[in-house]
Amino acid sequence: QVQLVESGGGLVQPGGSLRLSCAASGSIFSINTMGWYRHAPGKERELVARITSGGNTNYADSVKGRFTISRDNAKNTLYLQMNSLKPEDTAVYYCNAWVRGATSRYLEVWGQGTLVTVSS
């Protein structure tokens, strides 16, 4: 089975920056689209950003111009660079990926989440 592990979350002041990482491990043949989602208290889980295997990206309107999603295909790792952070960015951030491992089909896999807290 394939596993996704997020890291890089923590406490940061408004206006600060964080870089999240998501490492995929296990028997991986290929990874298609990957994305970052977040879930804040009182809100539904929302898509923050996603990136295709070919490098095409899209972002939630609330993070455009502040966040950058990228991936290292050789390392099977996804990144999210977060700049100019705001208190409303506070949430648990989850990595998502469509992965082909032991089967011939892509399966959707989720990480356990990493907490980002933006506060003074």
PDB file of N, CA and C in Angstrom:
ATOM      1  N   GLN A   1       0.852  -1.192   0.000  1.00  0.00           N
ATOM      2  CA  GLN A   1       0.000   0.000   0.000  1.00  0.00           C
ATOM      3  C   GLN A   1       0.889   1.244   0.000  1.00  0.00           C
ATOM      4  N   VAL A   2       0.411   2.289  -0.635  1.00  0.00           N
ATOM      5  CA  VAL A   2       1.134   3.544  -0.724  1.00  0.00           C
ATOM      6  C   VAL A   2       0.721   4.437   0.438  1.00  0.00           C
ATOM      7  N   GLN A   3       1.689   5.154   0.986  1.00  0.00           N
ATOM      8  CA  GLN A   3       1.445   6.055   2.104  1.00  0.00           C
ATOM      9  C   GLN A   3       1.925   7.451   1.763  1.00  0.00           C
ATOM     10  N   LEU A   4       1.166   8.470   2.185  1.00  0.00           N
ATOM     11  CA  LEU A   4       1.557   9.861   2.063  1.00  0.00           C
ATOM     12  C   LEU A   4       1.784  10.426   3.454  1.00  0.00           C
ATOM     13  N   VAL A   5       2.910  11.110   3.648  1.00  0.00           N
ATOM     14  CA  VAL A   5       3.250  11.686   4.942  1.00  0.00           C
ATOM     15  C   VAL A   5       3.560  13.159   4.756  1.00  0.00           C
ATOM     16  N   GLU A   6       2.759  14.024   5.397  1.00  0.00           N
ATOM     17  CA  GLU A   6       2.980  15.460   5.342  1.00  0.00           C
ATOM     18  C   GLU A   6       3.929  15.902   6.449  1.00  0.00           C
ATOM     19  N   SER A   7       4.637  16.994   6.198  1.00  0.00           N
ATOM     20  CA  SER A   7       5.498  17.592   7.198  1.00  0.00           C
ATOM     21  C   SER A   7       5.641  19.079   6.895  1.00  0.00           C
ATOM     22  N   GLY A   8       6.129  19.830   7.866  1.00  0.00           N
ATOM     23  CA  GLY A   8       6.409  21.242   7.675  1.00  0.00           C
ATOM     24  C   GLY A   8       5.436  22.190   8.334  1.00  0.00           C
ATOM     25  N   GLY A   9       4.358  21.680   8.888  1.00  0.00           N
ATOM     26  CA  GLY A   9       3.414  22.542   9.564  1.00  0.00           C
ATOM     27  C   GLY A   9       3.977  23.070  10.869  1.00  0.00           C
ATOM     28  N   GLY A  10       3.296  24.062  11.421  1.00  0.00           N
ATOM     29  CA  GLY A  10       3.732  24.645  12.673  1.00  0.00           C
ATOM     30  C   GLY A  10       3.060  25.968  12.929  1.00  0.00           C
ATOM     31  N   LEU A  11       3.609  26.696  13.885  1.00  0.00           N
ATOM     32  CA  LEU A  11       3.093  28.008  14.280  1.00  0.00           C
ATOM     33  C   LEU A  11       3.905  29.099  13.603  1.00  0.00           C
ATOM     34  N   VAL A  12       3.218  30.051  12.990  1.00  0.00           N
ATOM     35  CA  VAL A  12       3.876  31.152  12.312  1.00  0.00           C
ATOM     36  C   VAL A  12       3.054  32.418  12.520  1.00  0.00           C
ATOM     37  N   GLN A  13       3.731  33.561  12.564  1.00  0.00           N
ATOM     38  CA  GLN A  13       3.045  34.839  12.712  1.00  0.00           C
ATOM     39  C   GLN A  13       2.426  35.286  11.395  1.00  0.00           C
ATOM     40  N   PRO A  14       1.375  36.093  11.454  1.00  0.00           N
ATOM     41  CA  PRO A  14       0.822  36.639  10.215  1.00  0.00           C
ATOM     42  C   PRO A  14       1.894  37.326   9.386  1.00  0.00           C
ATOM     43  N   GLY A  15       1.851  37.088   8.082  1.00  0.00           N
ATOM     44  CA  GLY A  15       2.862  37.612   7.186  1.00  0.00           C
ATOM     45  C   GLY A  15       4.051  36.698   6.987  1.00  0.00           C
ATOM     46  N   GLY A  16       4.147  35.650   7.778  1.00  0.00           N
ATOM     47  CA  GLY A  16       5.253  34.724   7.684  1.00  0.00           C
ATOM     48  C   GLY A  16       5.059  33.690   6.594  1.00  0.00           C
ATOM     49  N   SER A  17       6.011  32.754   6.525  1.00  0.00           N
ATOM     50  CA  SER A  17       6.018  31.732   5.485  1.00  0.00           C
ATOM     51  C   SER A  17       6.252  30.352   6.074  1.00  0.00           C
ATOM     52  N   LEU A  18       5.719  29.356   5.399  1.00  0.00           N
ATOM     53  CA  LEU A  18       5.967  27.955   5.701  1.00  0.00           C
ATOM     54  C   LEU A  18       6.051  27.184   4.400  1.00  0.00           C
ATOM     55  N   ARG A  19       6.775  26.086   4.432  1.00  0.00           N
ATOM     56  CA  ARG A  19       6.874  25.187   3.294  1.00  0.00           C
ATOM     57  C   ARG A  19       6.456  23.789   3.739  1.00  0.00           C
ATOM     58  N   LEU A  20       5.378  23.286   3.167  1.00  0.00           N
ATOM     59  CA  LEU A  20       4.890  21.954   3.469  1.00  0.00           C
ATOM     60  C   LEU A  20       5.447  20.950   2.468  1.00  0.00           C
ATOM     61  N   SER A  21       5.696  19.741   2.952  1.00  0.00           N
ATOM     62  CA  SER A  21       6.147  18.653   2.104  1.00  0.00           C
ATOM     63  C   SER A  21       5.228  17.457   2.280  1.00  0.00           C
ATOM     64  N   CYS A  22       5.111  16.666   1.235  1.00  0.00           N
ATOM     65  CA  CYS A  22       4.325  15.438   1.258  1.00  0.00           C
ATOM     66  C   CYS A  22       5.117  14.372   0.523  1.00  0.00           C
ATOM     67  N   ALA A  23       5.575  13.380   1.244  1.00  0.00           N
ATOM     68  CA  ALA A  23       6.389  12.317   0.678  1.00  0.00           C
ATOM     69  C   ALA A  23       5.558  11.051   0.503  1.00  0.00           C
ATOM     70  N   ALA A  24       5.553  10.523  -0.695  1.00  0.00           N
ATOM     71  CA  ALA A  24       4.879   9.268  -0.989  1.00  0.00           C
ATOM     72  C   ALA A  24       5.875   8.117  -0.882  1.00  0.00           C
ATOM     73  N   SER A  25       5.467   7.046  -0.232  1.00  0.00           N
ATOM     74  CA  SER A  25       6.334   5.895  -0.065  1.00  0.00           C
ATOM     75  C   SER A  25       5.559   4.615  -0.322  1.00  0.00           C
ATOM     76  N   GLY A  26       6.288   3.527  -0.508  1.00  0.00           N
ATOM     77  CA  GLY A  26       5.693   2.255  -0.825  1.00  0.00           C
ATOM     78  C   GLY A  26       6.050   1.827  -2.233  1.00  0.00           C
ATOM     79  N   SER A  27       5.343   0.827  -2.712  1.00  0.00           N
ATOM     80  CA  SER A  27       5.571   0.339  -4.064  1.00  0.00           C
ATOM     81  C   SER A  27       4.780   1.203  -5.035  1.00  0.00           C
ATOM     82  N   ILE A  28       5.456   2.173  -5.620  1.00  0.00           N
ATOM     83  CA  ILE A  28       4.821   3.165  -6.487  1.00  0.00           C
ATOM     84  C   ILE A  28       5.297   2.975  -7.917  1.00  0.00           C
ATOM     85  N   PHE A  29       4.347   2.800  -8.797  1.00  0.00           N
ATOM     86  CA  PHE A  29       4.657   2.761 -10.216  1.00  0.00           C
ATOM     87  C   PHE A  29       4.607   4.153 -10.830  1.00  0.00           C
ATOM     88  N   SER A  30       3.586   4.919 -10.480  1.00  0.00           N
ATOM     89  CA  SER A  30       3.455   6.268 -10.995  1.00  0.00           C
ATOM     90  C   SER A  30       2.459   7.050 -10.152  1.00  0.00           C
ATOM     91  N   ILE A  31       2.561   8.376 -10.223  1.00  0.00           N
ATOM     92  CA  ILE A  31       1.657   9.278  -9.525  1.00  0.00           C
ATOM     93  C   ILE A  31       1.101  10.268 -10.529  1.00  0.00           C
ATOM     94  N   ASN A  32      -0.205  10.400 -10.543  1.00  0.00           N
ATOM     95  CA  ASN A  32      -0.846  11.361 -11.421  1.00  0.00           C
ATOM     96  C   ASN A  32      -1.039  12.679 -10.661  1.00  0.00           C
ATOM     97  N   THR A  33      -2.235  13.212 -10.659  1.00  0.00           N
ATOM     98  CA  THR A  33      -2.476  14.501 -10.026  1.00  0.00           C
ATOM     99  C   THR A  33      -2.266  14.437  -8.516  1.00  0.00           C
ATOM    100  N   MET A  34      -1.656  15.484  -7.966  1.00  0.00           N
ATOM    101  CA  MET A  34      -1.475  15.636  -6.531  1.00  0.00           C
ATOM    102  C   MET A  34      -2.048  16.982  -6.113  1.00  0.00           C
ATOM    103  N   GLY A  35      -2.478  17.067  -4.863  1.00  0.00           N
ATOM    104  CA  GLY A  35      -3.057  18.312  -4.404  1.00  0.00           C
ATOM    105  C   GLY A  35      -2.935  18.507  -2.914  1.00  0.00           C
ATOM    106  N   TRP A  36      -3.174  19.733  -2.510  1.00  0.00           N
ATOM    107  CA  TRP A  36      -3.253  20.091  -1.103  1.00  0.00           C
ATOM    108  C   TRP A  36      -4.664  20.546  -0.779  1.00  0.00           C
ATOM    109  N   TYR A  37      -5.214  20.010   0.285  1.00  0.00           N
ATOM    110  CA  TYR A  37      -6.504  20.408   0.812  1.00  0.00           C
ATOM    111  C   TYR A  37      -6.308  20.906   2.233  1.00  0.00           C
ATOM    112  N   ARG A  38      -7.267  21.664   2.729  1.00  0.00           N
ATOM    113  CA  ARG A  38      -7.211  22.086   4.118  1.00  0.00           C
ATOM    114  C   ARG A  38      -8.599  22.045   4.743  1.00  0.00           C
ATOM    115  N   HIS A  39      -8.610  21.850   6.046  1.00  0.00           N
ATOM    116  CA  HIS A  39      -9.848  21.756   6.798  1.00  0.00           C
ATOM    117  C   HIS A  39      -9.715  22.597   8.052  1.00  0.00           C
ATOM    118  N   ALA A  40     -10.458  23.684   8.109  1.00  0.00           N
ATOM    119  CA  ALA A  40     -10.466  24.578   9.253  1.00  0.00           C
ATOM    120  C   ALA A  40     -11.733  24.352  10.070  1.00  0.00           C
ATOM    121  N   PRO A  41     -11.694  24.650  11.370  1.00  0.00           N
ATOM    122  CA  PRO A  41     -12.891  24.484  12.198  1.00  0.00           C
ATOM    123  C   PRO A  41     -14.066  25.288  11.659  1.00  0.00           C
ATOM    124  N   GLY A  42     -15.223  24.640  11.590  1.00  0.00           N
ATOM    125  CA  GLY A  42     -16.425  25.308  11.125  1.00  0.00           C
ATOM    126  C   GLY A  42     -16.552  25.425   9.623  1.00  0.00           C
ATOM    127  N   LYS A  43     -15.610  24.891   8.884  1.00  0.00           N
ATOM    128  CA  LYS A  43     -15.637  24.967   7.430  1.00  0.00           C
ATOM    129  C   LYS A  43     -15.479  23.579   6.822  1.00  0.00           C
ATOM    130  N   GLU A  44     -15.964  23.429   5.609  1.00  0.00           N
ATOM    131  CA  GLU A  44     -15.766  22.187   4.876  1.00  0.00           C
ATOM    132  C   GLU A  44     -14.336  22.104   4.359  1.00  0.00           C
ATOM    133  N   ARG A  45     -13.875  20.882   4.155  1.00  0.00           N
ATOM    134  CA  ARG A  45     -12.572  20.702   3.544  1.00  0.00           C
ATOM    135  C   ARG A  45     -12.580  21.326   2.151  1.00  0.00           C
ATOM    136  N   GLU A  46     -11.531  22.067   1.831  1.00  0.00           N
ATOM    137  CA  GLU A  46     -11.465  22.753   0.558  1.00  0.00           C
ATOM    138  C   GLU A  46     -10.154  22.472  -0.155  1.00  0.00           C
ATOM    139  N   LEU A  47     -10.212  22.518  -1.455  1.00  0.00           N
ATOM    140  CA  LEU A  47      -9.008  22.384  -2.270  1.00  0.00           C
ATOM    141  C   LEU A  47      -8.209  23.676  -2.201  1.00  0.00           C
ATOM    142  N   VAL A  48      -6.934  23.565  -1.875  1.00  0.00           N
ATOM    143  CA  VAL A  48      -6.035  24.708  -1.838  1.00  0.00           C
ATOM    144  C   VAL A  48      -5.314  24.864  -3.167  1.00  0.00           C
ATOM    145  N   ALA A  49      -4.719  23.789  -3.647  1.00  0.00           N
ATOM    146  CA  ALA A  49      -3.974  23.812  -4.896  1.00  0.00           C
ATOM    147  C   ALA A  49      -3.792  22.388  -5.387  1.00  0.00           C
ATOM    148  N   ARG A  50      -3.631  22.240  -6.683  1.00  0.00           N
ATOM    149  CA  ARG A  50      -3.341  20.928  -7.241  1.00  0.00           C
ATOM    150  C   ARG A  50      -2.410  21.071  -8.429  1.00  0.00           C
ATOM    151  N   ILE A  51      -1.729  19.978  -8.741  1.00  0.00           N
ATOM    152  CA  ILE A  51      -0.768  19.963  -9.822  1.00  0.00           C
ATOM    153  C   ILE A  51      -0.834  18.617 -10.525  1.00  0.00           C
ATOM    154  N   THR A  52      -0.875  18.639 -11.842  1.00  0.00           N
ATOM    155  CA  THR A  52      -0.923  17.410 -12.614  1.00  0.00           C
ATOM    156  C   THR A  52       0.475  16.838 -12.788  1.00  0.00           C
ATOM    157  N   SER A  53       0.536  15.630 -13.311  1.00  0.00           N
ATOM    158  CA  SER A  53       1.830  15.015 -13.568  1.00  0.00           C
ATOM    159  C   SER A  53       2.642  15.807 -14.585  1.00  0.00           C
ATOM    160  N   GLY A  54       1.959  16.552 -15.447  1.00  0.00           N
ATOM    161  CA  GLY A  54       2.627  17.381 -16.427  1.00  0.00           C
ATOM    162  C   GLY A  54       2.986  18.769 -15.944  1.00  0.00           C
ATOM    163  N   GLY A  55       2.616  19.101 -14.704  1.00  0.00           N
ATOM    164  CA  GLY A  55       2.995  20.382 -14.132  1.00  0.00           C
ATOM    165  C   GLY A  55       1.944  21.474 -14.211  1.00  0.00           C
ATOM    166  N   ASN A  56       0.760  21.173 -14.732  1.00  0.00           N
ATOM    167  CA  ASN A  56      -0.303  22.167 -14.732  1.00  0.00           C
ATOM    168  C   ASN A  56      -0.838  22.364 -13.326  1.00  0.00           C
ATOM    169  N   THR A  57      -1.088  23.610 -12.943  1.00  0.00           N
ATOM    170  CA  THR A  57      -1.504  23.938 -11.588  1.00  0.00           C
ATOM    171  C   THR A  57      -2.781  24.753 -11.578  1.00  0.00           C
ATOM    172  N   ASN A  58      -3.505  24.680 -10.463  1.00  0.00           N
ATOM    173  CA  ASN A  58      -4.563  25.631 -10.184  1.00  0.00           C
ATOM    174  C   ASN A  58      -4.672  25.816  -8.682  1.00  0.00           C
ATOM    175  N   TYR A  59      -5.259  26.959  -8.295  1.00  0.00           N
ATOM    176  CA  TYR A  59      -5.281  27.382  -6.905  1.00  0.00           C
ATOM    177  C   TYR A  59      -6.652  27.899  -6.521  1.00  0.00           C
ATOM    178  N   ALA A  60      -6.952  27.779  -5.242  1.00  0.00           N
ATOM    179  CA  ALA A  60      -8.115  28.461  -4.707  1.00  0.00           C
ATOM    180  C   ALA A  60      -7.899  29.969  -4.795  1.00  0.00           C
ATOM    181  N   ASP A  61      -8.977  30.701  -5.044  1.00  0.00           N
ATOM    182  CA  ASP A  61      -8.860  32.151  -5.164  1.00  0.00           C
ATOM    183  C   ASP A  61      -8.248  32.780  -3.914  1.00  0.00           C
ATOM    184  N   SER A  62      -8.511  32.206  -2.760  1.00  0.00           N
ATOM    185  CA  SER A  62      -8.046  32.781  -1.510  1.00  0.00           C
ATOM    186  C   SER A  62      -6.534  32.705  -1.324  1.00  0.00           C
ATOM    187  N   VAL A  63      -5.852  31.859  -2.094  1.00  0.00           N
ATOM    188  CA  VAL A  63      -4.411  31.699  -1.923  1.00  0.00           C
ATOM    189  C   VAL A  63      -3.619  32.107  -3.153  1.00  0.00           C
ATOM    190  N   LYS A  64      -4.279  32.490  -4.218  1.00  0.00           N
ATOM    191  CA  LYS A  64      -3.573  32.886  -5.431  1.00  0.00           C
ATOM    192  C   LYS A  64      -2.642  34.056  -5.153  1.00  0.00           C
ATOM    193  N   GLY A  65      -1.431  33.948  -5.667  1.00  0.00           N
ATOM    194  CA  GLY A  65      -0.435  34.981  -5.457  1.00  0.00           C
ATOM    195  C   GLY A  65       0.354  34.837  -4.177  1.00  0.00           C
ATOM    196  N   ARG A  66      -0.079  33.947  -3.289  1.00  0.00           N
ATOM    197  CA  ARG A  66       0.605  33.736  -2.017  1.00  0.00           C
ATOM    198  C   ARG A  66       1.198  32.338  -1.890  1.00  0.00           C
ATOM    199  N   PHE A  67       0.514  31.334  -2.425  1.00  0.00           N
ATOM    200  CA  PHE A  67       0.950  29.942  -2.316  1.00  0.00           C
ATOM    201  C   PHE A  67       1.449  29.444  -3.666  1.00  0.00           C
ATOM    202  N   THR A  68       2.413  28.532  -3.631  1.00  0.00           N
ATOM    203  CA  THR A  68       2.932  27.899  -4.832  1.00  0.00           C
ATOM    204  C   THR A  68       3.041  26.399  -4.610  1.00  0.00           C
ATOM    205  N   ILE A  69       2.409  25.622  -5.480  1.00  0.00           N
ATOM    206  CA  ILE A  69       2.497  24.172  -5.409  1.00  0.00           C
ATOM    207  C   ILE A  69       3.539  23.687  -6.413  1.00  0.00           C
ATOM    208  N   SER A  70       4.293  22.671  -6.025  1.00  0.00           N
ATOM    209  CA  SER A  70       5.300  22.093  -6.902  1.00  0.00           C
ATOM    210  C   SER A  70       5.492  20.627  -6.543  1.00  0.00           C
ATOM    211  N   ARG A  71       6.229  19.911  -7.375  1.00  0.00           N
ATOM    212  CA  ARG A  71       6.462  18.496  -7.114  1.00  0.00           C
ATOM    213  C   ARG A  71       7.829  18.092  -7.637  1.00  0.00           C
ATOM    214  N   ASP A  72       8.413  17.097  -6.990  1.00  0.00           N
ATOM    215  CA  ASP A  72       9.655  16.484  -7.408  1.00  0.00           C
ATOM    216  C   ASP A  72       9.316  15.043  -7.763  1.00  0.00           C
ATOM    217  N   ASN A  73       9.160  14.775  -9.042  1.00  0.00           N
ATOM    218  CA  ASN A  73       8.709  13.459  -9.470  1.00  0.00           C
ATOM    219  C   ASN A  73       9.729  12.359  -9.163  1.00  0.00           C
ATOM    220  N   ALA A  74      11.006  12.682  -9.213  1.00  0.00           N
ATOM    221  CA  ALA A  74      12.035  11.695  -8.915  1.00  0.00           C
ATOM    222  C   ALA A  74      12.001  11.267  -7.459  1.00  0.00           C
ATOM    223  N   LYS A  75      11.549  12.158  -6.586  1.00  0.00           N
ATOM    224  CA  LYS A  75      11.494  11.887  -5.153  1.00  0.00           C
ATOM    225  C   LYS A  75      10.085  11.536  -4.687  1.00  0.00           C
ATOM    226  N   ASN A  76       9.118  11.570  -5.596  1.00  0.00           N
ATOM    227  CA  ASN A  76       7.719  11.319  -5.248  1.00  0.00           C
ATOM    228  C   ASN A  76       7.259  12.216  -4.104  1.00  0.00           C
ATOM    229  N   THR A  77       7.594  13.494  -4.215  1.00  0.00           N
ATOM    230  CA  THR A  77       7.315  14.443  -3.154  1.00  0.00           C
ATOM    231  C   THR A  77       6.586  15.664  -3.701  1.00  0.00           C
ATOM    232  N   LEU A  78       5.612  16.128  -2.946  1.00  0.00           N
ATOM    233  CA  LEU A  78       4.820  17.308  -3.251  1.00  0.00           C
ATOM    234  C   LEU A  78       5.153  18.408  -2.251  1.00  0.00           C
ATOM    235  N   TYR A  79       5.124  19.651  -2.707  1.00  0.00           N
ATOM    236  CA  TYR A  79       5.444  20.792  -1.849  1.00  0.00           C
ATOM    237  C   TYR A  79       4.358  21.858  -1.953  1.00  0.00           C
ATOM    238  N   LEU A  80       4.252  22.644  -0.907  1.00  0.00           N
ATOM    239  CA  LEU A  80       3.409  23.831  -0.914  1.00  0.00           C
ATOM    240  C   LEU A  80       4.157  24.946  -0.202  1.00  0.00           C
ATOM    241  N   GLN A  81       4.596  25.932  -0.959  1.00  0.00           N
ATOM    242  CA  GLN A  81       5.230  27.110  -0.393  1.00  0.00           C
ATOM    243  C   GLN A  81       4.147  28.123  -0.067  1.00  0.00           C
ATOM    244  N   MET A  82       4.059  28.520   1.191  1.00  0.00           N
ATOM    245  CA  MET A  82       3.020  29.419   1.662  1.00  0.00           C
ATOM    246  C   MET A  82       3.671  30.694   2.164  1.00  0.00           C
ATOM    247  N   ASN A  83       3.369  31.801   1.504  1.00  0.00           N
ATOM    248  CA  ASN A  83       3.893  33.106   1.875  1.00  0.00           C
ATOM    249  C   ASN A  83       2.757  34.028   2.291  1.00  0.00           C
ATOM    250  N   SER A  84       3.117  35.108   2.967  1.00  0.00           N
ATOM    251  CA  SER A  84       2.139  36.111   3.406  1.00  0.00           C
ATOM    252  C   SER A  84       0.954  35.465   4.105  1.00  0.00           C
ATOM    253  N   LEU A  85       1.252  34.600   5.046  1.00  0.00           N
ATOM    254  CA  LEU A  85       0.203  33.833   5.710  1.00  0.00           C
ATOM    255  C   LEU A  85      -0.707  34.726   6.536  1.00  0.00           C
ATOM    256  N   LYS A  86      -1.978  34.355   6.565  1.00  0.00           N
ATOM    257  CA  LYS A  86      -3.012  35.071   7.280  1.00  0.00           C
ATOM    258  C   LYS A  86      -3.637  34.167   8.328  1.00  0.00           C
ATOM    259  N   PRO A  87      -4.232  34.734   9.370  1.00  0.00           N
ATOM    260  CA  PRO A  87      -4.895  33.890  10.371  1.00  0.00           C
ATOM    261  C   PRO A  87      -5.935  32.953   9.767  1.00  0.00           C
ATOM    262  N   GLU A  88      -6.614  33.382   8.727  1.00  0.00           N
ATOM    263  CA  GLU A  88      -7.619  32.535   8.102  1.00  0.00           C
ATOM    264  C   GLU A  88      -7.031  31.354   7.342  1.00  0.00           C
ATOM    265  N   ASP A  89      -5.702  31.304   7.200  1.00  0.00           N
ATOM    266  CA  ASP A  89      -5.049  30.136   6.627  1.00  0.00           C
ATOM    267  C   ASP A  89      -4.889  29.008   7.645  1.00  0.00           C
ATOM    268  N   THR A  90      -5.173  29.279   8.899  1.00  0.00           N
ATOM    269  CA  THR A  90      -5.049  28.266   9.935  1.00  0.00           C
ATOM    270  C   THR A  90      -5.954  27.083   9.632  1.00  0.00           C
ATOM    271  N   ALA A  91      -5.379  25.894   9.565  1.00  0.00           N
ATOM    272  CA  ALA A  91      -6.129  24.688   9.225  1.00  0.00           C
ATOM    273  C   ALA A  91      -5.194  23.492   9.294  1.00  0.00           C
ATOM    274  N   VAL A  92      -5.785  22.315   9.238  1.00  0.00           N
ATOM    275  CA  VAL A  92      -5.018  21.105   8.991  1.00  0.00           C
ATOM    276  C   VAL A  92      -4.914  20.931   7.485  1.00  0.00           C
ATOM    277  N   TYR A  93      -3.708  20.798   7.000  1.00  0.00           N
ATOM    278  CA  TYR A  93      -3.463  20.670   5.572  1.00  0.00           C
ATOM    279  C   TYR A  93      -3.200  19.208   5.232  1.00  0.00           C
ATOM    280  N   TYR A  94      -3.898  18.716   4.213  1.00  0.00           N
ATOM    281  CA  TYR A  94      -3.825  17.323   3.808  1.00  0.00           C
ATOM    282  C   TYR A  94      -3.273  17.200   2.395  1.00  0.00           C
ATOM    283  N   CYS A  95      -2.411  16.233   2.214  1.00  0.00           N
ATOM    284  CA  CYS A  95      -1.890  15.880   0.904  1.00  0.00           C
ATOM    285  C   CYS A  95      -2.779  14.822   0.270  1.00  0.00           C
ATOM    286  N   ASN A  96      -2.993  14.944  -1.012  1.00  0.00           N
ATOM    287  CA  ASN A  96      -3.802  14.003  -1.773  1.00  0.00           C
ATOM    288  C   ASN A  96      -3.074  13.642  -3.059  1.00  0.00           C
ATOM    289  N   ALA A  97      -3.182  12.386  -3.455  1.00  0.00           N
ATOM    290  CA  ALA A  97      -2.539  11.957  -4.688  1.00  0.00           C
ATOM    291  C   ALA A  97      -3.274  10.783  -5.297  1.00  0.00           C
ATOM    292  N   TRP A  98      -3.236  10.724  -6.609  1.00  0.00           N
ATOM    293  CA  TRP A  98      -3.714   9.565  -7.348  1.00  0.00           C
ATOM    294  C   TRP A  98      -2.486   8.746  -7.719  1.00  0.00           C
ATOM    295  N   VAL A  99      -2.411   7.540  -7.156  1.00  0.00           N
ATOM    296  CA  VAL A  99      -1.194   6.734  -7.217  1.00  0.00           C
ATOM    297  C   VAL A  99      -1.492   5.370  -7.820  1.00  0.00           C
ATOM    298  N   ARG A 100      -0.617   4.922  -8.709  1.00  0.00           N
ATOM    299  CA  ARG A 100      -0.669   3.556  -9.201  1.00  0.00           C
ATOM    300  C   ARG A 100       0.437   2.772  -8.525  1.00  0.00           C
ATOM    301  N   GLY A 101       0.054   1.795  -7.742  1.00  0.00           N
ATOM    302  CA  GLY A 101       1.012   0.988  -7.011  1.00  0.00           C
ATOM    303  C   GLY A 101       0.973  -0.459  -7.430  1.00  0.00           C
ATOM    304  N   ALA A 102       0.391  -1.293  -6.590  1.00  0.00           N
ATOM    305  CA  ALA A 102       0.373  -2.728  -6.845  1.00  0.00           C
ATOM    306  C   ALA A 102      -0.642  -3.127  -7.913  1.00  0.00           C
ATOM    307  N   THR A 103      -1.591  -2.277  -8.194  1.00  0.00           N
ATOM    308  CA  THR A 103      -2.615  -2.568  -9.187  1.00  0.00           C
ATOM    309  C   THR A 103      -2.361  -1.770 -10.451  1.00  0.00           C
ATOM    310  N   SER A 104      -3.130  -2.070 -11.461  1.00  0.00           N
ATOM    311  CA  SER A 104      -3.006  -1.373 -12.733  1.00  0.00           C
ATOM    312  C   SER A 104      -3.827  -0.097 -12.780  1.00  0.00           C
ATOM    313  N   ARG A 105      -4.565   0.203 -11.715  1.00  0.00           N
ATOM    314  CA  ARG A 105      -5.413   1.377 -11.663  1.00  0.00           C
ATOM    315  C   ARG A 105      -4.880   2.389 -10.661  1.00  0.00           C
ATOM    316  N   TYR A 106      -5.194   3.663 -10.914  1.00  0.00           N
ATOM    317  CA  TYR A 106      -4.836   4.712  -9.971  1.00  0.00           C
ATOM    318  C   TYR A 106      -5.822   4.705  -8.808  1.00  0.00           C
ATOM    319  N   LEU A 107      -5.276   4.845  -7.601  1.00  0.00           N
ATOM    320  CA  LEU A 107      -6.064   4.912  -6.386  1.00  0.00           C
ATOM    321  C   LEU A 107      -5.826   6.250  -5.705  1.00  0.00           C
ATOM    322  N   GLU A 108      -6.875   6.803  -5.121  1.00  0.00           N
ATOM    323  CA  GLU A 108      -6.762   8.067  -4.404  1.00  0.00           C
ATOM    324  C   GLU A 108      -6.262   7.802  -2.990  1.00  0.00           C
ATOM    325  N   VAL A 109      -5.188   8.498  -2.606  1.00  0.00           N
ATOM    326  CA  VAL A 109      -4.551   8.312  -1.315  1.00  0.00           C
ATOM    327  C   VAL A 109      -4.493   9.653  -0.591  1.00  0.00           C
ATOM    328  N   TRP A 110      -4.712   9.630   0.716  1.00  0.00           N
ATOM    329  CA  TRP A 110      -4.681  10.825   1.554  1.00  0.00           C
ATOM    330  C   TRP A 110      -3.635  10.687   2.644  1.00  0.00           C
ATOM    331  N   GLY A 111      -2.980  11.785   2.964  1.00  0.00           N
ATOM    332  CA  GLY A 111      -2.084  11.826   4.097  1.00  0.00           C
ATOM    333  C   GLY A 111      -2.835  12.060   5.390  1.00  0.00           C
ATOM    334  N   GLN A 112      -2.104  12.059   6.494  1.00  0.00           N
ATOM    335  CA  GLN A 112      -2.721  12.202   7.809  1.00  0.00           C
ATOM    336  C   GLN A 112      -2.951  13.654   8.202  1.00  0.00           C
ATOM    337  N   GLY A 113      -2.345  14.583   7.506  1.00  0.00           N
ATOM    338  CA  GLY A 113      -2.518  15.997   7.771  1.00  0.00           C
ATOM    339  C   GLY A 113      -1.401  16.590   8.608  1.00  0.00           C
ATOM    340  N   THR A 114      -1.156  17.879   8.401  1.00  0.00           N
ATOM    341  CA  THR A 114      -0.209  18.630   9.207  1.00  0.00           C
ATOM    342  C   THR A 114      -0.847  19.973   9.564  1.00  0.00           C
ATOM    343  N   LEU A 115      -0.726  20.367  10.819  1.00  0.00           N
ATOM    344  CA  LEU A 115      -1.415  21.554  11.324  1.00  0.00           C
ATOM    345  C   LEU A 115      -0.598  22.806  11.062  1.00  0.00           C
ATOM    346  N   VAL A 116      -1.249  23.794  10.463  1.00  0.00           N
ATOM    347  CA  VAL A 116      -0.680  25.120  10.260  1.00  0.00           C
ATOM    348  C   VAL A 116      -1.479  26.106  11.093  1.00  0.00           C
ATOM    349  N   THR A 117      -0.798  26.818  11.985  1.00  0.00           N
ATOM    350  CA  THR A 117      -1.439  27.809  12.835  1.00  0.00           C
ATOM    351  C   THR A 117      -0.795  29.161  12.591  1.00  0.00           C
ATOM    352  N   VAL A 118      -1.591  30.133  12.166  1.00  0.00           N
ATOM    353  CA  VAL A 118      -1.114  31.484  11.894  1.00  0.00           C
ATOM    354  C   VAL A 118      -1.700  32.395  12.968  1.00  0.00           C
ATOM    355  N   SER A 119      -0.856  32.855  13.861  1.00  0.00           N
ATOM    356  CA  SER A 119      -1.331  33.620  15.004  1.00  0.00           C
ATOM    357  C   SER A 119      -0.201  34.446  15.584  1.00  0.00           C
ATOM    358  N   SER A 120      -0.566  35.587  16.181  1.00  0.00           N
ATOM    359  CA  SER A 120       0.389  36.411  16.907  1.00  0.00           C
ATOM    360  C   SER A 120       0.515  35.975  18.353  1.00  0.00           C
TER     361      SER A 120
END
